[in-house]
C-alpha atoms as a PDB file:
ATOM      1  CA  UNK A   1       0.056   0.170  -0.150  1.00  0.00           C
ATOM      2  CA  UNK A   2       1.183   3.297  -1.006  1.00  0.00           C
ATOM      3  CA  UNK A   3      -0.055   6.761   0.248  1.00  0.00           C
ATOM      4  CA  UNK A   4       0.534   9.706  -1.982  1.00  0.00           C
ATOM      5  CA  UNK A   5       0.427  13.460  -1.489  1.00  0.00           C
ATOM      6  CA  UNK A   6      -1.407  16.324  -3.083  1.00  0.00           C
ATOM      7  CA  UNK A   7      -2.885  13.952  -5.901  1.00  0.00           C
ATOM      8  CA  UNK A   8      -5.240  15.128  -8.809  1.00  0.00           C
ATOM      9  CA  UNK A   9      -8.502  13.644  -8.677  1.00  0.00           C
ATOM     10  CA  UNK A  10      -9.394  15.045 -12.244  1.00  0.00           C
ATOM     11  CA  UNK A  11      -9.493  11.432 -13.830  1.00  0.00           C
ATOM     12  CA  UNK A  12     -11.392   9.910 -11.235  1.00  0.00           C
ATOM     13  CA  UNK A  13     -14.480  11.871 -11.117  1.00  0.00           C
ATOM     14  CA  UNK A  14     -16.729  11.547 -14.017  1.00  0.00           C
ATOM     15  CA  UNK A  15     -17.430  15.302 -14.093  1.00  0.00           C
ATOM     16  CA  UNK A  16     -13.531  15.960 -14.743  1.00  0.00           C
ATOM     17  CA  UNK A  17     -13.413  18.631 -11.853  1.00  0.00           C
ATOM     18  CA  UNK A  18      -9.713  19.655 -11.408  1.00  0.00           C
ATOM     19  CA  UNK A  19      -9.585  18.921  -7.704  1.00  0.00           C
ATOM     20  CA  UNK A  20      -6.757  17.331  -5.357  1.00  0.00           C
ATOM     21  CA  UNK A  21      -6.894  14.854  -2.674  1.00  0.00           C
ATOM     22  CA  UNK A  22      -4.395  15.962   0.395  1.00  0.00           C
ATOM     23  CA  UNK A  23      -3.660  12.374   0.627  1.00  0.00           C
ATOM     24  CA  UNK A  24      -4.587   9.479  -1.648  1.00  0.00           C
ATOM     25  CA  UNK A  25      -4.366   5.590  -1.342  1.00  0.00           C
ATOM     26  CA  UNK A  26      -5.594   2.804  -3.564  1.00  0.00           C
ATOM     27  CA  UNK A  27      -6.436  -0.641  -1.630  1.00  0.00           C
ATOM     28  CA  UNK A  28      -6.574  -3.783  -3.527  1.00  0.00           C
ATOM     29  CA  UNK A  29      -7.221  -6.054  -0.951  1.00  0.00           C
ATOM     30  CA  UNK A  30      -8.955  -6.008   2.796  1.00  0.00           C
ATOM     31  CA  UNK A  31      -5.494  -5.959   4.232  1.00  0.00           C
ATOM     32  CA  UNK A  32      -4.737  -2.836   2.565  1.00  0.00           C
ATOM     33  CA  UNK A  33      -7.935  -1.268   3.497  1.00  0.00           C
ATOM     34  CA  UNK A  34      -7.187  -2.073   7.039  1.00  0.00           C
ATOM     35  CA  UNK A  35      -3.680  -0.668   6.670  1.00  0.00           C
ATOM     36  CA  UNK A  36      -5.101   2.795   5.292  1.00  0.00           C
ATOM     37  CA  UNK A  37      -7.742   2.955   8.015  1.00  0.00           C
ATOM     38  CA  UNK A  38      -4.924   2.524  10.579  1.00  0.00           C
ATOM     39  CA  UNK A  39      -2.715   4.995   9.252  1.00  0.00           C
ATOM     40  CA  UNK A  40      -5.627   7.611   8.661  1.00  0.00           C
ATOM     41  CA  UNK A  41      -6.638   7.096  12.236  1.00  0.00           C
ATOM     42  CA  UNK A  42      -3.174   7.509  13.369  1.00  0.00           C
ATOM     43  CA  UNK A  43      -3.080  10.710  11.763  1.00  0.00           C
ATOM     44  CA  UNK A  44      -6.501  11.778  12.914  1.00  0.00           C
ATOM     45  CA  UNK A  45      -7.430  12.616   9.311  1.00  0.00           C
ATOM     46  CA  UNK A  46     -11.182  12.860   7.598  1.00  0.00           C
ATOM     47  CA  UNK A  47     -11.443   9.894   5.021  1.00  0.00           C
ATOM     48  CA  UNK A  48     -13.492   9.761   1.785  1.00  0.00           C
ATOM     49  CA  UNK A  49     -14.090   6.447   0.056  1.00  0.00           C
ATOM     50  CA  UNK A  50     -13.949   6.731  -3.752  1.00  0.00           C
ATOM     51  CA  UNK A  51     -15.002   4.216  -6.119  1.00  0.00           C
ATOM     52  CA  UNK A  52     -15.040   5.270  -9.915  1.00  0.00           C
ATOM     53  CA  UNK A  53     -16.388   8.871  -9.145  1.00  0.00           C
ATOM     54  CA  UNK A  54     -19.164   8.415 -11.317  1.00  0.00           C
ATOM     55  CA  UNK A  55     -21.736   9.550  -9.007  1.00  0.00           C
ATOM     56  CA  UNK A  56     -19.422  12.252  -7.064  1.00  0.00           C
ATOM     57  CA  UNK A  57     -19.497  15.972  -7.613  1.00  0.00           C
ATOM     58  CA  UNK A  58     -16.302  17.386  -6.171  1.00  0.00           C
ATOM     59  CA  UNK A  59     -16.818  21.234  -5.480  1.00  0.00           C
ATOM     60  CA  UNK A  60     -13.452  21.798  -3.495  1.00  0.00           C
ATOM     61  CA  UNK A  61      -9.967  20.117  -2.969  1.00  0.00           C
ATOM     62  CA  UNK A  62     -10.327  17.054  -0.344  1.00  0.00           C
ATOM     63  CA  UNK A  63      -8.953  17.226   3.114  1.00  0.00           C
ATOM     64  CA  UNK A  64      -7.620  14.148   4.388  1.00  0.00           C
ATOM     65  CA  UNK A  65      -7.332  10.432   2.951  1.00  0.00           C
ATOM     66  CA  UNK A  66      -9.245   9.700  -0.240  1.00  0.00           C
ATOM     67  CA  UNK A  67      -9.337   5.896  -0.180  1.00  0.00           C
ATOM     68  CA  UNK A  68      -9.784   4.293  -3.502  1.00  0.00           C
ATOM     69  CA  UNK A  69     -11.362   0.694  -3.017  1.00  0.00           C
ATOM     70  CA  UNK A  70      -9.918  -1.390  -6.023  1.00  0.00           C
ATOM     71  CA  UNK A  71     -10.577  -4.892  -5.070  1.00  0.00           C
ATOM     72  CA  UNK A  72     -11.211  -6.716  -7.882  1.00  0.00           C
ATOM     73  CA  UNK A  73     -12.201 -10.413  -6.811  1.00  0.00           C
ATOM     74  CA  UNK A  74     -14.591 -12.268  -9.119  1.00  0.00           C
ATOM     75  CA  UNK A  75     -15.391 -15.685  -8.626  1.00  0.00           C
ATOM     76  CA  UNK A  76     -18.388 -17.998  -9.723  1.00  0.00           C
ATOM     77  CA  UNK A  77     -20.072 -21.140  -8.356  1.00  0.00           C
ATOM     78  CA  UNK A  78     -22.822 -23.006 -10.108  1.00  0.00           C
ATOM     79  CA  UNK A  79     -25.280 -25.635  -8.910  1.00  0.00           C
ATOM     80  CA  UNK A  80     -28.470 -26.527 -10.857  1.00  0.00           C
ATOM     81  CA  UNK A  81     -29.741 -23.529 -12.533  1.00  0.00           C
ATOM     82  CA  UNK A  82     -28.192 -20.975 -10.024  1.00  0.00           C
ATOM     83  CA  UNK A  83     -25.054 -18.897 -10.264  1.00  0.00           C
ATOM     84  CA  UNK A  84     -23.500 -17.479  -7.175  1.00  0.00           C
ATOM     85  CA  UNK A  85     -21.286 -14.581  -8.086  1.00  0.00           C
ATOM     86  CA  UNK A  86     -19.072 -12.822  -5.775  1.00  0.00           C
ATOM     87  CA  UNK A  87     -17.245  -9.535  -7.126  1.00  0.00           C
ATOM     88  CA  UNK A  88     -14.941  -7.340  -5.146  1.00  0.00           C
ATOM     89  CA  UNK A  89     -15.982  -3.509  -4.594  1.00  0.00           C
ATOM     90  CA  UNK A  90     -13.350  -2.445  -7.323  1.00  0.00           C
ATOM     91  CA  UNK A  91     -14.915  -4.287 -10.480  1.00  0.00           C
ATOM     92  CA  UNK A  92     -16.448  -2.204 -12.950  1.00  0.00           C
ATOM     93  CA  UNK A  93     -19.992  -2.540 -12.962  1.00  0.00           C
ATOM     94  CA  UNK A  94     -20.781  -2.656 -16.629  1.00  0.00           C
ATOM     95  CA  UNK A  95     -17.734  -5.046 -17.243  1.00  0.00           C
ATOM     96  CA  UNK A  96     -19.648  -7.495 -14.709  1.00  0.00           C
ATOM     97  CA  UNK A  97     -22.861  -7.282 -16.603  1.00  0.00           C
ATOM     98  CA  UNK A  98     -21.218  -8.195 -20.217  1.00  0.00           C
ATOM     99  CA  UNK A  99     -18.937 -10.914 -18.274  1.00  0.00           C
ATOM    100  CA  UNK A 100     -22.092 -12.436 -16.876  1.00  0.00           C
ATOM    101  CA  UNK A 101     -24.104 -12.525 -19.997  1.00  0.00           C
ATOM    102  CA  UNK A 102     -21.320 -13.869 -21.887  1.00  0.00           C
ATOM    103  CA  UNK A 103     -20.961 -16.640 -19.236  1.00  0.00           C
ATOM    104  CA  UNK A 104     -24.624 -17.713 -19.337  1.00  0.00           C
ATOM    105  CA  UNK A 105     -25.350 -16.244 -16.113  1.00  0.00           C
ATOM    106  CA  UNK A 106     -28.549 -14.031 -16.255  1.00  0.00           C
ATOM    107  CA  UNK A 107     -30.248 -11.423 -14.182  1.00  0.00           C
ATOM    108  CA  UNK A 108     -28.266  -8.269 -14.526  1.00  0.00           C
ATOM    109  CA  UNK A 109     -28.627  -7.635 -17.953  1.00  0.00           C
ATOM    110  CA  UNK A 110     -31.127  -4.556 -17.785  1.00  0.00           C
ATOM    111  CA  UNK A 111     -28.648  -2.904 -16.043  1.00  0.00           C
ATOM    112  CA  UNK A 112     -26.117  -2.639 -18.533  1.00  0.00           C
ATOM    113  CA  UNK A 113     -24.176   0.353 -19.066  1.00  0.00           C
ATOM    114  CA  UNK A 114     -24.959   1.985 -15.573  1.00  0.00           C
ATOM    115  CA  UNK A 115     -21.520   3.589 -14.574  1.00  0.00           C
ATOM    116  CA  UNK A 116     -19.663   3.243 -11.634  1.00  0.00           C
ATOM    117  CA  UNK A 117     -17.930   0.071  -9.786  1.00  0.00           C
ATOM    118  CA  UNK A 118     -19.692  -2.914  -7.932  1.00  0.00           C
ATOM    119  CA  UNK A 119     -19.008  -1.308  -4.426  1.00  0.00           C
ATOM    120  CA  UNK A 120     -21.162   1.663  -5.350  1.00  0.00           C
ATOM    121  CA  UNK A 121     -24.055  -0.397  -6.729  1.00  0.00           C
ATOM    122  CA  UNK A 122     -25.811  -1.267  -3.340  1.00  0.00           C
ATOM    123  CA  UNK A 123     -25.420   2.152  -2.007  1.00  0.00           C
ATOM    124  CA  UNK A 124     -27.775   3.471  -4.599  1.00  0.00           C
ATOM    125  CA  UNK A 125     -29.731   0.121  -5.249  1.00  0.00           C
ATOM    126  CA  UNK A 126     -29.073   1.102  -9.004  1.00  0.00           C
ATOM    127  CA  UNK A 127     -31.930   0.072 -11.206  1.00  0.00           C
ATOM    128  CA  UNK A 128     -33.020   0.432 -14.704  1.00  0.00           C
ATOM    129  CA  UNK A 129     -35.665  -0.898 -17.023  1.00  0.00           C
ATOM    130  CA  UNK A 130     -37.538  -2.959 -14.732  1.00  0.00           C
ATOM    131  CA  UNK A 131     -34.643  -4.287 -12.425  1.00  0.00           C
ATOM    132  CA  UNK A 132     -32.770  -3.196  -9.253  1.00  0.00           C
ATOM    133  CA  UNK A 133     -29.663  -4.882  -7.807  1.00  0.00           C
ATOM    134  CA  UNK A 134     -31.674  -5.868  -5.051  1.00  0.00           C
ATOM    135  CA  UNK A 135     -33.517  -8.239  -7.120  1.00  0.00           C
ATOM    136  CA  UNK A 136     -30.369 -10.334  -7.321  1.00  0.00           C
ATOM    137  CA  UNK A 137     -28.398  -9.233  -4.197  1.00  0.00           C
ATOM    138  CA  UNK A 138     -27.873 -11.982  -1.422  1.00  0.00           C
ATOM    139  CA  UNK A 139     -25.305  -9.958   1.021  1.00  0.00           C
ATOM    140  CA  UNK A 140     -22.566  -7.347   1.059  1.00  0.00           C
ATOM    141  CA  UNK A 141     -19.267  -7.675   2.846  1.00  0.00           C
ATOM    142  CA  UNK A 142     -18.417  -4.649   4.516  1.00  0.00           C
ATOM    143  CA  UNK A 143     -15.498  -3.245   7.027  1.00  0.00           C
ATOM    144  CA  UNK A 144     -16.299  -0.744   9.759  1.00  0.00           C
ATOM    145  CA  UNK A 145     -14.151   2.311   9.474  1.00  0.00           C
ATOM    146  CA  UNK A 146     -13.631   3.066  12.941  1.00  0.00           C
ATOM    147  CA  UNK A 147     -13.002  -0.730  14.184  1.00  0.00           C
ATOM    148  CA  UNK A 148     -11.573  -2.238  11.255  1.00  0.00           C
ATOM    149  CA  UNK A 149     -14.118  -5.202  11.708  1.00  0.00           C
ATOM    150  CA  UNK A 150     -15.500  -7.090   8.937  1.00  0.00           C
ATOM    151  CA  UNK A 151     -19.048  -8.556   8.634  1.00  0.00           C
ATOM    152  CA  UNK A 152     -21.372  -9.601   6.241  1.00  0.00           C
ATOM    153  CA  UNK A 153     -24.748  -7.578   5.481  1.00  0.00           C
ATOM    154  CA  UNK A 154     -27.868  -9.600   4.234  1.00  0.00           C
ATOM    155  CA  UNK A 155     -30.248  -8.348   1.631  1.00  0.00           C
ATOM    156  CA  UNK A 156     -32.589  -7.324   4.727  1.00  0.00           C
ATOM    157  CA  UNK A 157     -29.816  -5.676   6.524  1.00  0.00           C
ATOM    158  CA  UNK A 158     -29.461  -3.259   3.472  1.00  0.00           C
ATOM    159  CA  UNK A 159     -32.944  -1.821   3.690  1.00  0.00           C
ATOM    160  CA  UNK A 160     -33.271  -1.434   0.191  1.00  0.00           C
ATOM    161  CA  UNK A 161     -35.658   1.220  -1.333  1.00  0.00           C
ATOM    162  CA  UNK A 162     -35.960   3.443  -4.622  1.00  0.00           C
ATOM    163  CA  UNK A 163     -32.268   4.565  -5.113  1.00  0.00           C
ATOM    164  CA  UNK A 164     -31.818   4.088  -1.177  1.00  0.00           C
ATOM    165  CA  UNK A 165     -30.120   1.675   1.261  1.00  0.00           C
ATOM    166  CA  UNK A 166     -28.683   1.609   4.825  1.00  0.00           C
ATOM    167  CA  UNK A 167     -25.483   2.818   3.214  1.00  0.00           C
ATOM    168  CA  UNK A 168     -27.076   6.385   2.913  1.00  0.00           C
ATOM    169  CA  UNK A 169     -27.794   6.395   6.684  1.00  0.00           C
ATOM    170  CA  UNK A 170     -25.738   7.717   9.414  1.00  0.00           C
ATOM    171  CA  UNK A 171     -25.054   4.166  10.858  1.00  0.00           C
ATOM    172  CA  UNK A 172     -24.498   2.611   7.244  1.00  0.00           C
ATOM    173  CA  UNK A 173     -22.186   5.478   5.996  1.00  0.00           C
ATOM    174  CA  UNK A 174     -19.667   4.109   8.693  1.00  0.00           C
ATOM    175  CA  UNK A 175     -19.275   0.909   6.529  1.00  0.00           C
ATOM    176  CA  UNK A 176     -17.100   0.525   3.492  1.00  0.00           C
ATOM    177  CA  UNK A 177     -18.375  -1.921   1.039  1.00  0.00           C
ATOM    178  CA  UNK A 178     -15.496  -4.820   0.249  1.00  0.00           C
ATOM    179  CA  UNK A 179     -17.686  -7.019  -2.051  1.00  0.00           C
ATOM    180  CA  UNK A 180     -21.117  -8.195  -3.434  1.00  0.00           C
ATOM    181  CA  UNK A 181     -22.854 -11.642  -3.358  1.00  0.00           C
ATOM    182  CA  UNK A 182     -25.084 -11.998  -6.005  1.00  0.00           C
ATOM    183  CA  UNK A 183     -27.500 -14.761  -6.977  1.00  0.00           C
ATOM    184  CA  UNK A 184     -28.071 -15.084 -10.776  1.00  0.00           C
ATOM    185  CA  UNK A 185     -29.758 -17.820 -13.081  1.00  0.00           C
ATOM    186  CA  UNK A 186     -28.176 -20.142 -15.816  1.00  0.00           C
ATOM    187  CA  UNK A 187     -31.708 -19.766 -17.501  1.00  0.00           C
ATOM    188  CA  UNK A 188     -32.084 -17.377 -20.141  1.00  0.00           C
ATOM    189  CA  UNK A 189     -35.098 -15.940 -19.317  1.00  0.00           C
ATOM    190  CA  UNK A 190     -34.638 -11.876 -18.802  1.00  0.00           C
ATOM    191  CA  UNK A 191     -37.303  -9.507 -17.369  1.00  0.00           C
ATOM    192  CA  UNK A 192     -38.958  -7.468 -20.376  1.00  0.00           C
ATOM    193  CA  UNK A 193     -42.009  -5.974 -18.450  1.00  0.00           C
ATOM    194  CA  UNK A 194     -40.742  -2.298 -18.528  1.00  0.00           C
ATOM    195  CA  UNK A 195     -42.871  -0.703 -21.441  1.00  0.00           C
ATOM    196  CA  UNK A 196     -39.932   1.330 -22.756  1.00  0.00           C
ATOM    197  CA  UNK A 197     -37.914  -1.808 -23.075  1.00  0.00           C
ATOM    198  CA  UNK A 198     -40.578  -3.751 -24.839  1.00  0.00           C
ATOM    199  CA  UNK A 199     -41.362  -1.145 -27.178  1.00  0.00           C
ATOM    200  CA  UNK A 200     -37.698  -0.715 -28.101  1.00  0.00           C
ATOM    201  CA  UNK A 201     -37.636  -4.670 -28.483  1.00  0.00           C
ATOM    202  CA  UNK A 202     -40.598  -4.146 -30.731  1.00  0.00           C
ATOM    203  CA  UNK A 203     -42.636  -6.632 -28.561  1.00  0.00           C
ATOM    204  CA  UNK A 204     -46.114  -7.298 -28.563  1.00  0.00           C
ATOM    205  CA  UNK A 205     -46.864 -10.514 -26.905  1.00  0.00           C
ATOM    206  CA  UNK A 206     -46.221 -10.644 -23.139  1.00  0.00           C
ATOM    207  CA  UNK A 207     -44.405 -14.320 -23.617  1.00  0.00           C
ATOM    208  CA  UNK A 208     -42.048 -13.204 -26.342  1.00  0.00           C
ATOM    209  CA  UNK A 209     -38.977 -15.389 -26.444  1.00  0.00           C
ATOM    210  CA  UNK A 210     -36.144 -12.698 -26.064  1.00  0.00           C
ATOM    211  CA  UNK A 211     -32.746 -13.596 -25.000  1.00  0.00           C
ATOM    212  CA  UNK A 212     -30.680 -11.652 -22.141  1.00  0.00           C
ATOM    213  CA  UNK A 213     -28.073 -10.770 -24.683  1.00  0.00           C
ATOM    214  CA  UNK A 214     -30.491  -9.007 -26.860  1.00  0.00           C
ATOM    215  CA  UNK A 215     -31.745  -7.330 -23.888  1.00  0.00           C
ATOM    216  CA  UNK A 216     -28.290  -6.199 -22.685  1.00  0.00           C
ATOM    217  CA  UNK A 217     -27.565  -5.057 -26.396  1.00  0.00           C
ATOM    218  CA  UNK A 218     -31.016  -3.077 -26.360  1.00  0.00           C
ATOM    219  CA  UNK A 219     -30.463  -1.704 -23.118  1.00  0.00           C
ATOM    220  CA  UNK A 220     -26.721  -0.410 -24.150  1.00  0.00           C
ATOM    221  CA  UNK A 221     -28.376   1.313 -27.077  1.00  0.00           C
ATOM    222  CA  UNK A 222     -31.256   3.175 -25.092  1.00  0.00           C
ATOM    223  CA  UNK A 223     -28.951   4.518 -22.613  1.00  0.00           C
ATOM    224  CA  UNK A 224     -26.441   5.493 -25.261  1.00  0.00           C
ATOM    225  CA  UNK A 225     -29.209   7.475 -27.111  1.00  0.00           C
ATOM    226  CA  UNK A 226     -30.399   9.212 -23.938  1.00  0.00           C
ATOM    227  CA  UNK A 227     -27.477   9.615 -21.514  1.00  0.00           C
ATOM    228  CA  UNK A 228     -24.009  11.376 -22.757  1.00  0.00           C
ATOM    229  CA  UNK A 229     -20.720   9.528 -22.353  1.00  0.00           C
ATOM    230  CA  UNK A 230     -18.757  10.985 -19.521  1.00  0.00           C
ATOM    231  CA  UNK A 231     -15.661  10.411 -21.832  1.00  0.00           C
ATOM    232  CA  UNK A 232     -17.092  12.875 -24.291  1.00  0.00           C
ATOM    233  CA  UNK A 233     -18.519  15.551 -21.920  1.00  0.00           C
ATOM    234  CA  UNK A 234     -18.289  15.351 -17.990  1.00  0.00           C
ATOM    235  CA  UNK A 235     -21.371  14.285 -16.110  1.00  0.00           C
ATOM    236  CA  UNK A 236     -22.747  11.893 -13.534  1.00  0.00           C
ATOM    237  CA  UNK A 237     -25.644  10.461 -15.376  1.00  0.00           C
ATOM    238  CA  UNK A 238     -29.017  11.343 -13.903  1.00  0.00           C
ATOM    239  CA  UNK A 239     -28.435  14.112 -11.540  1.00  0.00           C
ATOM    240  CA  UNK A 240     -32.020  13.962  -9.837  1.00  0.00           C
ATOM    241  CA  UNK A 241     -34.149  10.953  -8.468  1.00  0.00           C
ATOM    242  CA  UNK A 242     -37.762  10.596 -10.067  1.00  0.00           C
ATOM    243  CA  UNK A 243     -40.401  11.857  -7.477  1.00  0.00           C
ATOM    244  CA  UNK A 244     -42.782   9.373  -6.156  1.00  0.00           C
ATOM    245  CA  UNK A 245     -46.003  10.834  -5.750  1.00  0.00           C
ATOM    246  CA  UNK A 246     -49.423   9.883  -4.055  1.00  0.00           C
ATOM    247  CA  UNK A 247     -52.379   9.486  -6.500  1.00  0.00           C
ATOM    248  CA  UNK A 248     -54.083  12.649  -4.924  1.00  0.00           C
ATOM    249  CA  UNK A 249     -50.979  14.854  -5.689  1.00  0.00           C
ATOM    250  CA  UNK A 250     -50.874  13.272  -9.232  1.00  0.00           C
ATOM    251  CA  UNK A 251     -54.646  14.258  -9.833  1.00  0.00           C
ATOM    252  CA  UNK A 252     -54.157  17.685  -8.498  1.00  0.00           C
ATOM    253  CA  UNK A 253     -50.931  18.026 -10.849  1.00  0.00           C
ATOM    254  CA  UNK A 254     -52.892  16.553 -14.025  1.00  0.00           C
ATOM    255  CA  UNK A 255     -55.450  19.259 -13.669  1.00  0.00           C
ATOM    256  CA  UNK A 256     -53.037  21.974 -14.461  1.00  0.00           C
ATOM    257  CA  UNK A 257     -50.702  19.940 -16.554  1.00  0.00           C
ATOM    258  CA  UNK A 258     -52.850  17.329 -18.429  1.00  0.00           C
ATOM    259  CA  UNK A 259     -49.727  15.889 -20.118  1.00  0.00           C
ATOM    260  CA  UNK A 260     -47.941  14.929 -17.136  1.00  0.00           C
ATOM    261  CA  UNK A 261     -46.381  11.282 -17.535  1.00  0.00           C
ATOM    262  CA  UNK A 262     -46.846   8.980 -14.716  1.00  0.00           C
ATOM    263  CA  UNK A 263     -46.059   5.496 -13.966  1.00  0.00           C
ATOM    264  CA  UNK A 264     -47.600   3.088 -11.448  1.00  0.00           C
ATOM    265  CA  UNK A 265     -45.587   2.513  -8.442  1.00  0.00           C
ATOM    266  CA  UNK A 266     -45.959   0.716  -5.070  1.00  0.00           C
ATOM    267  CA  UNK A 267     -48.578   1.545  -2.155  1.00  0.00           C
ATOM    268  CA  UNK A 268     -50.934   3.221  -4.674  1.00  0.00           C
ATOM    269  CA  UNK A 269     -48.114   6.109  -5.547  1.00  0.00           C
ATOM    270  CA  UNK A 270     -46.873   6.997  -8.968  1.00  0.00           C
ATOM    271  CA  UNK A 271     -43.462   7.885 -10.366  1.00  0.00           C
ATOM    272  CA  UNK A 272     -43.205  11.043 -12.104  1.00  0.00           C
ATOM    273  CA  UNK A 273     -40.173  11.567 -14.577  1.00  0.00           C
ATOM    274  CA  UNK A 274     -37.728  14.272 -13.189  1.00  0.00           C
ATOM    275  CA  UNK A 275     -36.627  14.795 -16.477  1.00  0.00           C
ATOM    276  CA  UNK A 276     -40.340  15.859 -17.965  1.00  0.00           C
ATOM    277  CA  UNK A 277     -40.619  18.285 -15.074  1.00  0.00           C
ATOM    278  CA  UNK A 278     -36.983  19.983 -15.804  1.00  0.00           C
ATOM    279  CA  UNK A 279     -37.597  19.864 -19.732  1.00  0.00           C
ATOM    280  CA  UNK A 280     -41.115  21.548 -19.064  1.00  0.00           C
ATOM    281  CA  UNK A 281     -39.502  24.301 -16.981  1.00  0.00           C
ATOM    282  CA  UNK A 282     -37.292  25.244 -19.980  1.00  0.00           C
ATOM    283  CA  UNK A 283     -33.777  23.989 -18.562  1.00  0.00           C
ATOM    284  CA  UNK A 284     -32.933  21.718 -21.070  1.00  0.00           C
ATOM    285  CA  UNK A 285     -29.765  23.029 -22.752  1.00  0.00           C
ATOM    286  CA  UNK A 286     -29.326  25.709 -20.382  1.00  0.00           C
ATOM    287  CA  UNK A 287     -25.709  26.719 -20.018  1.00  0.00           C
ATOM    288  CA  UNK A 288     -23.918  28.993 -17.459  1.00  0.00           C
ATOM    289  CA  UNK A 289     -20.357  29.749 -17.126  1.00  0.00           C
ATOM    290  CA  UNK A 290     -18.907  26.224 -17.808  1.00  0.00           C
ATOM    291  CA  UNK A 291     -21.696  23.896 -16.799  1.00  0.00           C
ATOM    292  CA  UNK A 292     -25.177  23.362 -18.008  1.00  0.00           C
ATOM    293  CA  UNK A 293     -28.201  21.164 -18.744  1.00  0.00           C
ATOM    294  CA  UNK A 294     -27.523  18.667 -21.469  1.00  0.00           C
ATOM    295  CA  UNK A 295     -29.350  19.462 -24.572  1.00  0.00           C
ATOM    296  CA  UNK A 296     -30.803  16.072 -25.368  1.00  0.00           C
ATOM    297  CA  UNK A 297     -31.492  14.788 -21.789  1.00  0.00           C
ATOM    298  CA  UNK A 298     -32.707  17.021 -19.098  1.00  0.00           C
ATOM    299  CA  UNK A 299     -31.754  14.940 -16.175  1.00  0.00           C
ATOM    300  CA  UNK A 300     -28.014  15.384 -16.970  1.00  0.00           C
ATOM    301  CA  UNK A 301     -25.851  18.115 -15.736  1.00  0.00           C
ATOM    302  CA  UNK A 302     -22.698  18.541 -17.879  1.00  0.00           C
ATOM    303  CA  UNK A 303     -19.212  20.020 -17.367  1.00  0.00           C
ATOM    304  CA  UNK A 304     -18.613  21.759 -20.652  1.00  0.00           C
ATOM    305  CA  UNK A 305     -14.745  21.432 -20.184  1.00  0.00           C
ATOM    306  CA  UNK A 306     -14.184  24.438 -18.206  1.00  0.00           C
ATOM    307  CA  UNK A 307     -16.762  24.145 -15.132  1.00  0.00           C
ATOM    308  CA  UNK A 308     -16.271  23.297 -11.472  1.00  0.00           C
ATOM    309  CA  UNK A 309     -18.281  21.615  -8.845  1.00  0.00           C
ATOM    310  CA  UNK A 310     -19.470  24.733  -7.033  1.00  0.00           C
ATOM    311  CA  UNK A 311     -21.027  25.861 -10.569  1.00  0.00           C
ATOM    312  CA  UNK A 312     -22.643  22.606 -10.636  1.00  0.00           C
ATOM    313  CA  UNK A 313     -23.857  22.901  -7.100  1.00  0.00           C
ATOM    314  CA  UNK A 314     -25.559  26.522  -7.921  1.00  0.00           C
ATOM    315  CA  UNK A 315     -27.128  25.117 -10.886  1.00  0.00           C
ATOM    316  CA  UNK A 316     -28.804  22.069  -9.157  1.00  0.00           C
ATOM    317  CA  UNK A 317     -29.966  24.490  -6.599  1.00  0.00           C
ATOM    318  CA  UNK A 318     -31.413  26.765  -9.119  1.00  0.00           C
ATOM    319  CA  UNK A 319     -33.189  23.751 -10.884  1.00  0.00           C
ATOM    320  CA  UNK A 320     -34.523  22.749  -7.458  1.00  0.00           C
ATOM    321  CA  UNK A 321     -35.931  25.740  -6.451  1.00  0.00           C
ATOM    322  CA  UNK A 322     -37.472  26.322  -9.702  1.00  0.00           C
ATOM    323  CA  UNK A 323     -39.020  22.808  -9.632  1.00  0.00           C
ATOM    324  CA  UNK A 324     -40.347  23.689  -6.301  1.00  0.00           C
ATOM    325  CA  UNK A 325     -41.924  26.804  -7.180  1.00  0.00           C
ATOM    326  CA  UNK A 326     -43.749  25.547 -10.470  1.00  0.00           C
ATOM    327  CA  UNK A 327     -44.959  22.074  -9.107  1.00  0.00           C
ATOM    328  CA  UNK A 328     -44.395  22.066  -5.496  1.00  0.00           C
ATOM    329  CA  UNK A 329     -42.077  19.004  -5.776  1.00  0.00           C
ATOM    330  CA  UNK A 330     -38.913  18.946  -4.043  1.00  0.00           C
ATOM    331  CA  UNK A 331     -36.211  17.040  -6.108  1.00  0.00           C
ATOM    332  CA  UNK A 332     -33.642  15.000  -4.627  1.00  0.00           C
ATOM    333  CA  UNK A 333     -30.171  14.607  -6.067  1.00  0.00           C
ATOM    334  CA  UNK A 334     -28.446  11.547  -7.099  1.00  0.00           C
ATOM    335  CA  UNK A 335     -24.736  12.364  -6.780  1.00  0.00           C
ATOM    336  CA  UNK A 336     -22.826  12.885  -3.443  1.00  0.00           C
ATOM    337  CA  UNK A 337     -21.366  16.331  -3.262  1.00  0.00           C
ATOM    338  CA  UNK A 338     -18.134  16.966  -1.363  1.00  0.00           C
END
């Protein structure tokens, strides 16, 4: 394990913001994570845990230690129709999805091309096109920052919800994710219930015979058409969560906005696309200084090359205030801001 001083994080966050870490360390094993934690505690420094930086907005230089988790374990055991797949937190998520489908292990194909590493996936309970990671997750291996003790959290321990998990709470934030256990199937029977996916696949029959590979390719095409590549223009994907509203609230809104799109959710509630709200409010394509709102996807805030995190924070707050004023809806951001 090597700890470096004054390290640029420009290539370690998908916005490409040029900030630096006072100290930086990349840990590729549990022992190295423990060693880094011991060093950080001996210096009484703050710590920031970093994966691929695809869900992070840096508004300033980072004091203390930035600990990059690079554990790249990947092992599989198969019994009958079940594939138990264990991956380290540092494994790239999309690479995992491609590898599992290629190896005849199915269940993650709807989650293709979601940016980030496997360690971040349970934190956000990533989801797309009718699936969430919690559908296939069995457990998460973690280490406690203060004690260095490792433990395994079950799916129920993780308290999953829409883009939520225990790791977003005060108690859960004390854990560093080391690895994730997933249960996949060797039966090629993908979930194709999501309307937009079915439409893209040109499906009309509910029992249509579609392969997981075809779903993966179609999901990649859909995401590529809607979301800009961070390698081309800095961004963190969807910046705001889709609001979940009661049926009464939806009825009230539709009286004023008859074209408001809604999607059925649990407990009689409905999901409203945040992108529609932001687009209708006139923010799509907006540009201020070096940052803005993408001209093809209103849910994506972008760095045009010379922007910074403070500018993104200001823009996000302006959008939040406008949506609150127009629709009385409080948007919740997805990326973590430092």
